[in-house]
Amino acid sequence: MKSILLIEDNPDILDNTAEILNLAGYKVYTAGNGKIGVEQAIEHKPDLVVCDIMMPVLDGFGVLHMMQRNEELQDIPFIFLTAKTERTDFRKGMEMGADDYITKPFSGTDLLHAIERRLKKSSLKKQTFPSTPQGLNKLLYEATGKESLRLLAEGRNTDKFKKKQFIYTEGNHPGRLYFILKGKIKTFKRNDDGKELVVDLYNEGDFLGYIALLEGTVYRETAEAMDECEIAIIPRDEFEDLLHNNRDVATQFIRMMAGNIAAKEQQLLGLAYNSLRKKVAEALINLYRKYNKSGSEFLIDISRDNLAAIAGTATESLIRTLGDFREEKLIEIKDGCIIILNEKKLSNLLY
């Protein structure tokens, strides 16, 4: 049960508002002035504070100031309840860190909606999301109520791409967010000698191209269809509206980008220092875990050149290592497709 601290010097408003909150299922603490309110906040650590501005002993601005100075209280959502509507009061409260205002007289519905919004934002801010497509899907669901980007993509124009066709290329400026309805996509970079390094892999239900949109830069890699793909196109301005209108979403995106950078650092370290066997084993395990949704026998149907690019090794070296793995009964090769026979033992090569 969420708890709310209500600070109000008018006994009638205090009792009536507390009754509304109790009926809505909240645990309510009450205080008749700001000084008692701060004491209650320290004792109970409520999930949200609703506070009048004009009060004896300590006014609402003083309550907010003291809570902002307390590390245990400073992140609690704070809503001012006031009959004063002067613009200077609104500005002063927001600059001090208030989350919202409700002006007297108010309805119970207005109060409950404001509280629900702030509690939802507070919950979102406390959560952490992995820097993966699945992480962003969960983030968007928590922030917007949409089950996934698939709903965001419904009704969009869709583009179809053939195998080996580029979706976007390194150095180009981004203009849209891509959502994969069907197929598999890789993103890669090439060095001056033409050697390819696969940066990431994407599947149905994933999105791509968001890093360049967030950074406001050009694409740092090329995206290519690994088989026939169907992709929904989400305009850049709609994606940016989501960020600009929801500060908590933007904050989570920054955290996710930081996690993405850390993952890429680990990938580069692996390419630099891992043995050949470990590189190939890691590439196989990553493909298996990325694309095997059923948990049953799974065929890794990928060209040896692509697999070598994912592992960060020469194609000839990859083929020799696959031969070793087959002799060790770790994998089976059938019509060019790779079947992992012993995932646990193959995974042990990574450690």
Protein backbone atom coordinates (compact mmCIF):
# COMPACT_ATOMS: atom_id res chain seq x y z
CA MET A 1 0.00 0.00 0.00
CA LYS A 2 1.36 3.41 -0.98
CA SER A 3 1.56 6.03 1.77
CA ILE A 4 0.81 9.73 1.49
CA LEU A 5 1.65 12.53 3.90
CA LEU A 6 -0.99 15.29 3.87
CA ILE A 7 0.05 18.63 5.40
CA GLU A 8 -2.79 21.18 5.73
CA ASP A 9 -3.69 23.70 8.44
CA ASN A 10 -7.42 23.86 7.60
CA PRO A 11 -9.04 21.03 9.63
CA ASP A 12 -12.02 20.59 7.29
CA ILE A 13 -9.83 20.33 4.16
CA LEU A 14 -7.41 18.05 6.02
CA ASP A 15 -10.15 15.64 7.14
CA ASN A 16 -12.02 15.60 3.82
CA THR A 17 -8.89 15.10 1.75
CA ALA A 18 -7.60 12.38 4.07
CA GLU A 19 -10.93 10.57 3.74
CA ILE A 20 -10.74 10.69 -0.07
CA LEU A 21 -7.21 9.26 -0.03
CA ASN A 22 -8.18 6.53 2.43
CA LEU A 23 -11.11 5.51 0.24
CA ALA A 24 -8.71 5.36 -2.72
CA GLY A 25 -6.62 2.77 -0.89
CA TYR A 26 -3.74 4.92 0.34
CA LYS A 27 -2.27 4.88 3.83
CA VAL A 28 -2.51 8.51 4.99
CA TYR A 29 -0.45 10.44 7.53
CA THR A 30 -1.66 13.94 8.44
CA ALA A 31 -0.08 17.06 9.88
CA GLY A 32 -1.70 20.38 10.83
CA ASN A 33 1.38 22.53 10.12
CA GLY A 34 4.67 22.39 8.32
CA LYS A 35 6.84 21.64 11.35
CA ILE A 36 4.80 18.57 12.28
CA GLY A 37 4.75 17.63 8.60
CA VAL A 38 8.54 17.49 8.39
CA GLU A 39 8.65 15.40 11.57
CA GLN A 40 6.10 12.99 10.06
CA ALA A 41 8.08 12.79 6.81
CA ILE A 42 11.27 11.88 8.68
CA GLU A 43 9.45 9.25 10.76
CA HIS A 44 7.32 7.57 8.07
CA LYS A 45 9.19 8.19 4.77
CA PRO A 46 5.94 8.46 2.74
CA ASP A 47 5.75 7.66 -0.97
CA LEU A 48 4.35 11.14 -1.72
CA VAL A 49 3.66 14.45 0.05
CA VAL A 50 0.68 16.74 -0.52
CA CYS A 51 1.35 20.07 1.21
CA ASP A 52 -0.43 23.41 1.59
CA ILE A 53 1.66 26.55 1.01
CA MET A 54 0.27 29.11 3.48
CA MET A 55 0.57 27.60 6.97
CA PRO A 56 1.66 28.74 10.42
CA VAL A 57 4.96 27.77 12.06
CA LEU A 58 6.50 26.55 8.77
CA ASP A 59 4.97 27.19 5.35
CA GLY A 60 4.98 24.80 2.36
CA PHE A 61 8.12 26.31 0.86
CA GLY A 62 9.91 25.69 4.14
CA VAL A 63 8.72 22.08 4.22
CA LEU A 64 9.98 21.49 0.69
CA HIS A 65 13.31 23.16 1.47
CA MET A 66 13.90 20.96 4.52
CA MET A 67 12.96 17.81 2.63
CA GLN A 68 15.31 18.72 -0.21
CA ARG A 69 18.18 18.99 2.30
CA ASN A 70 17.48 15.50 3.68
CA GLU A 71 18.98 12.73 1.51
CA GLU A 72 16.33 10.25 2.64
CA LEU A 73 13.46 12.59 1.70
CA GLN A 74 14.68 14.61 -1.28
CA ASP A 75 13.40 12.20 -3.93
CA ILE A 76 9.87 11.90 -2.52
CA PRO A 77 7.32 13.37 -5.00
CA PHE A 78 5.95 16.68 -3.66
CA ILE A 79 2.63 18.27 -4.65
CA PHE A 80 1.64 21.75 -3.47
CA LEU A 81 -1.98 22.28 -2.43
CA THR A 82 -2.79 25.98 -2.51
CA ALA A 83 -5.38 28.65 -3.08
CA LYS A 84 -2.70 31.03 -4.32
CA THR A 85 -2.46 31.10 -8.09
CA GLU A 86 0.09 33.86 -8.62
CA ARG A 87 2.63 32.91 -11.25
CA THR A 88 5.54 33.81 -8.94
CA ASP A 89 4.45 31.12 -6.46
CA PHE A 90 4.27 28.49 -9.18
CA ARG A 91 7.70 29.44 -10.45
CA LYS A 92 9.24 29.50 -6.98
CA GLY A 93 7.86 26.08 -6.09
CA MET A 94 8.99 24.43 -9.31
CA GLU A 95 12.46 25.95 -9.02
CA MET A 96 12.72 24.51 -5.51
CA GLY A 97 11.85 21.03 -6.78
CA ALA A 98 8.07 20.66 -6.45
CA ASP A 99 6.55 18.12 -8.83
CA ASP A 100 3.05 19.54 -9.24
CA TYR A 101 0.42 22.05 -8.07
CA ILE A 102 -3.26 21.56 -7.25
CA THR A 103 -5.26 24.75 -6.83
CA LYS A 104 -8.10 25.06 -4.32
CA PRO A 105 -10.97 24.40 -4.73
CA PHE A 106 -10.18 21.01 -6.29
CA SER A 107 -12.10 17.82 -6.99
CA GLY A 108 -11.19 14.41 -5.60
CA THR A 109 -10.67 13.18 -9.15
CA ASP A 110 -8.12 15.92 -9.91
CA LEU A 111 -6.25 15.11 -6.71
CA LEU A 112 -6.17 11.35 -7.33
CA HIS A 113 -5.08 11.75 -10.96
CA ALA A 114 -2.21 14.03 -9.93
CA ILE A 115 -1.10 11.59 -7.24
CA GLU A 116 -1.27 8.59 -9.60
CA ARG A 117 0.84 10.40 -12.22
CA ARG A 118 3.52 11.36 -9.73
CA LEU A 119 3.68 7.93 -8.11
CA LYS A 120 4.02 6.32 -11.54
CA LYS A 121 6.85 8.67 -12.49
CA SER A 122 8.56 8.05 -9.17
CA SER A 123 8.34 4.28 -9.68
CA LEU A 124 9.76 4.61 -13.20
CA LYS A 125 12.66 6.72 -11.95
CA LYS A 126 13.64 4.09 -9.38
CA GLN A 127 13.70 1.23 -11.87
CA THR A 128 16.69 0.22 -13.94
CA PHE A 129 16.39 -1.19 -17.44
CA PRO A 130 19.01 -3.21 -19.33
CA SER A 131 20.62 -1.55 -22.34
CA THR A 132 18.91 -3.94 -24.74
CA PRO A 133 15.92 -3.72 -27.07
CA GLN A 134 13.91 -5.65 -24.48
CA GLY A 135 14.95 -3.11 -21.86
CA LEU A 136 13.64 -0.22 -23.91
CA ASN A 137 10.41 -2.07 -24.67
CA LYS A 138 9.85 -2.45 -20.92
CA LEU A 139 10.75 1.20 -20.35
CA LEU A 140 8.22 2.38 -22.91
CA TYR A 141 5.56 0.18 -21.38
CA GLU A 142 6.21 1.59 -17.90
CA ALA A 143 6.25 5.17 -19.21
CA THR A 144 3.38 5.11 -21.71
CA GLY A 145 1.29 2.02 -20.98
CA LYS A 146 2.04 0.65 -24.43
CA GLU A 147 2.78 -3.05 -24.27
CA SER A 148 5.71 -2.74 -26.65
CA LEU A 149 7.07 -0.82 -29.59
CA ARG A 150 4.89 -3.05 -31.74
CA LEU A 151 1.88 -0.99 -30.60
CA LEU A 152 3.80 2.21 -31.27
CA ALA A 153 4.53 0.86 -34.74
CA GLU A 154 0.95 -0.15 -35.57
CA GLY A 155 -0.49 1.64 -38.57
CA ARG A 156 2.93 2.87 -39.72
CA ASN A 157 4.31 2.63 -43.18
CA THR A 158 6.38 -0.51 -43.57
CA ASP A 159 9.39 -1.17 -45.78
CA LYS A 160 10.50 -4.57 -47.03
CA PHE A 161 14.17 -5.41 -47.41
CA LYS A 162 15.79 -8.29 -49.23
CA LYS A 163 18.68 -10.32 -47.85
CA LYS A 164 21.93 -8.28 -47.78
CA GLN A 165 20.06 -5.02 -48.42
CA PHE A 166 21.11 -2.04 -46.29
CA ILE A 167 18.59 -0.42 -43.93
CA TYR A 168 20.91 2.48 -43.18
CA THR A 169 24.61 3.09 -43.72
CA GLU A 170 27.44 4.43 -41.60
CA GLY A 171 27.89 8.20 -41.90
CA ASN A 172 24.29 9.00 -42.87
CA HIS A 173 22.04 11.22 -40.77
CA PRO A 174 19.14 9.47 -38.98
CA GLY A 175 15.55 10.44 -39.70
CA ARG A 176 13.54 7.61 -38.18
CA LEU A 177 13.35 4.80 -35.66
CA TYR A 178 13.08 1.26 -37.07
CA PHE A 179 10.97 -1.56 -35.61
CA ILE A 180 11.47 -5.09 -36.95
CA LEU A 181 8.21 -6.86 -37.76
CA LYS A 182 9.90 -9.77 -39.50
CA GLY A 183 13.45 -10.98 -40.12
CA LYS A 184 16.95 -10.60 -38.70
CA ILE A 185 19.32 -7.65 -39.01
CA LYS A 186 22.97 -7.12 -38.17
CA THR A 187 24.83 -3.87 -37.66
CA PHE A 188 28.51 -3.78 -38.54
CA LYS A 189 31.56 -1.63 -39.22
CA ARG A 190 34.33 -2.09 -41.80
CA ASN A 191 37.93 -1.02 -41.45
CA ASP A 192 40.06 0.45 -44.25
CA ASP A 193 41.05 -3.05 -45.36
CA GLY A 194 37.41 -4.06 -45.77
CA LYS A 195 37.36 -6.36 -42.74
CA GLU A 196 33.90 -6.49 -41.20
CA LEU A 197 33.07 -6.46 -37.48
CA VAL A 198 29.49 -7.21 -36.44
CA VAL A 199 28.46 -4.75 -33.72
CA ASP A 200 25.01 -6.11 -32.83
CA LEU A 201 22.23 -8.47 -33.87
CA TYR A 202 18.50 -7.72 -34.02
CA ASN A 203 15.40 -9.86 -34.33
CA GLU A 204 11.63 -9.54 -34.70
CA GLY A 205 10.29 -7.27 -31.96
CA ASP A 206 13.52 -5.25 -31.70
CA PHE A 207 14.17 -1.66 -32.71
CA LEU A 208 17.32 -0.13 -34.10
CA GLY A 209 18.83 3.18 -35.07
CA TYR A 210 18.01 4.85 -31.75
CA ILE A 211 21.59 5.61 -30.66
CA ALA A 212 22.19 8.09 -33.48
CA LEU A 213 18.79 9.70 -32.80
CA LEU A 214 19.62 10.16 -29.14
CA GLU A 215 23.12 11.47 -29.77
CA GLY A 216 22.05 13.74 -32.63
CA THR A 217 24.90 12.36 -34.73
CA VAL A 218 25.31 10.26 -37.85
CA TYR A 219 25.04 6.48 -37.84
CA ARG A 220 28.26 4.90 -36.54
CA GLU A 221 27.54 1.54 -38.19
CA THR A 222 25.72 0.02 -41.13
CA ALA A 223 22.53 -2.04 -40.72
CA GLU A 224 22.00 -4.93 -43.16
CA ALA A 225 19.22 -7.49 -43.53
CA MET A 226 20.40 -11.04 -42.86
CA ASP A 227 17.26 -12.43 -44.51
CA GLU A 228 14.02 -10.99 -45.89
CA CYS A 229 12.81 -8.31 -43.47
CA GLU A 230 9.74 -6.18 -42.90
CA ILE A 231 10.27 -3.02 -40.87
CA ALA A 232 7.87 -0.42 -39.47
CA ILE A 233 9.02 3.18 -39.74
CA ILE A 234 8.51 5.53 -36.76
CA PRO A 235 9.17 9.21 -37.58
CA ARG A 236 11.96 10.92 -35.73
CA ASP A 237 9.77 13.72 -34.38
CA GLU A 238 7.41 11.29 -32.62
CA PHE A 239 10.34 9.49 -31.01
CA GLU A 240 11.81 12.80 -29.86
CA ASP A 241 8.44 13.96 -28.49
CA LEU A 242 8.48 10.97 -26.15
CA LEU A 243 11.87 12.05 -24.82
CA HIS A 244 11.11 15.76 -24.56
CA ASN A 245 7.79 15.28 -22.81
CA ASN A 246 8.95 12.73 -20.26
CA ARG A 247 12.06 13.62 -18.28
CA ASP A 248 12.22 10.24 -16.57
CA VAL A 249 12.19 8.43 -19.90
CA ALA A 250 15.05 10.61 -21.10
CA THR A 251 16.99 9.83 -17.92
CA GLN A 252 16.52 6.10 -18.43
CA PHE A 253 17.68 6.39 -22.04
CA ILE A 254 20.90 8.00 -20.82
CA ARG A 255 21.43 5.14 -18.39
CA MET A 256 20.77 2.60 -21.11
CA MET A 257 23.24 4.27 -23.44
CA ALA A 258 25.85 4.10 -20.68
CA GLY A 259 25.15 0.38 -20.33
CA ASN A 260 25.40 -0.04 -24.08
CA ILE A 261 28.83 1.58 -24.06
CA ALA A 262 29.97 -0.74 -21.26
CA ALA A 263 28.77 -3.78 -23.22
CA LYS A 264 30.67 -2.62 -26.31
CA GLU A 265 33.81 -2.19 -24.22
CA GLN A 266 33.50 -5.78 -23.05
CA GLN A 267 33.03 -6.91 -26.64
CA LEU A 268 36.17 -5.08 -27.76
CA LEU A 269 38.16 -6.52 -24.86
CA GLY A 270 36.98 -9.99 -25.83
CA LEU A 271 38.02 -9.48 -29.44
CA ALA A 272 41.41 -8.22 -28.33
CA TYR A 273 42.27 -10.83 -25.69
CA ASN A 274 40.06 -13.91 -26.07
CA SER A 275 41.43 -17.03 -27.65
CA LEU A 276 40.12 -18.18 -31.01
CA ARG A 277 38.09 -20.98 -29.41
CA LYS A 278 36.53 -18.58 -26.94
CA LYS A 279 35.64 -16.05 -29.64
CA VAL A 280 33.87 -18.67 -31.75
CA ALA A 281 32.13 -20.23 -28.75
CA GLU A 282 30.90 -16.80 -27.62
CA ALA A 283 29.56 -16.01 -31.09
CA LEU A 284 27.64 -19.30 -31.22
CA ILE A 285 26.21 -18.89 -27.72
CA ASN A 286 25.14 -15.30 -28.43
CA LEU A 287 23.36 -16.36 -31.62
CA TYR A 288 21.71 -19.27 -29.84
CA ARG A 289 20.42 -17.10 -26.99
CA LYS A 290 19.40 -14.26 -29.28
CA TYR A 291 17.35 -16.19 -31.80
CA ASN A 292 16.29 -19.42 -30.08
CA LYS A 293 12.97 -18.42 -28.50
CA SER A 294 11.48 -21.91 -28.26
CA GLY A 295 14.25 -23.62 -26.29
CA SER A 296 14.11 -26.66 -28.59
CA GLU A 297 16.63 -27.73 -31.23
CA PHE A 298 17.77 -24.62 -33.03
CA LEU A 299 19.51 -24.32 -36.39
CA ILE A 300 22.02 -21.48 -36.67
CA ASP A 301 21.54 -20.66 -40.33
CA ILE A 302 24.17 -18.02 -41.00
CA SER A 303 26.93 -17.67 -43.54
CA ARG A 304 30.46 -18.44 -42.40
CA ASP A 305 31.53 -14.93 -43.38
CA ASN A 306 28.84 -13.41 -41.14
CA LEU A 307 29.70 -15.73 -38.28
CA ALA A 308 33.39 -14.86 -38.64
CA ALA A 309 32.51 -11.15 -38.52
CA ILE A 310 30.52 -11.70 -35.33
CA ALA A 311 33.39 -13.65 -33.74
CA GLY A 312 35.96 -11.15 -34.96
CA THR A 313 38.19 -13.69 -36.69
CA ALA A 314 39.15 -14.82 -40.18
CA THR A 315 36.71 -17.10 -42.01
CA GLU A 316 39.34 -19.83 -42.45
CA SER A 317 40.11 -19.82 -38.72
CA LEU A 318 36.42 -19.97 -37.91
CA ILE A 319 35.88 -23.00 -40.15
CA ARG A 320 38.79 -24.87 -38.53
CA THR A 321 37.43 -24.13 -35.06
CA LEU A 322 33.93 -25.28 -36.02
CA GLY A 323 35.52 -28.51 -37.19
CA ASP A 324 37.18 -28.92 -33.79
CA PHE A 325 33.89 -28.27 -32.00
CA ARG A 326 32.18 -30.89 -34.17
CA GLU A 327 34.81 -33.49 -33.34
CA GLU A 328 34.35 -32.69 -29.64
CA LYS A 329 30.58 -33.25 -30.00
CA LEU A 330 29.82 -29.68 -29.01
CA ILE A 331 28.03 -28.92 -32.28
CA GLU A 332 26.67 -30.68 -35.33
CA ILE A 333 26.66 -29.27 -38.84
CA LYS A 334 23.73 -30.25 -41.07
CA ASP A 335 23.31 -28.80 -44.59
CA GLY A 336 25.50 -25.87 -43.60
CA CYS A 337 23.46 -25.10 -40.48
CA ILE A 338 25.00 -25.35 -37.00
CA ILE A 339 23.22 -27.22 -34.20
CA ILE A 340 24.49 -26.77 -30.66
CA LEU A 341 24.59 -30.19 -28.98
CA ASN A 342 26.04 -29.22 -25.61
CA GLU A 343 25.27 -25.61 -24.69
CA LYS A 344 26.58 -25.97 -21.14
CA LYS A 345 29.97 -27.28 -22.17
CA LEU A 346 30.25 -24.70 -24.95
CA SER A 347 29.37 -21.95 -22.47
CA ASN A 348 32.09 -23.20 -20.11
CA LEU A 349 34.67 -22.22 -22.72
CA LEU A 350 33.78 -18.60 -22.04
CA TYR A 351 35.12 -18.71 -18.47
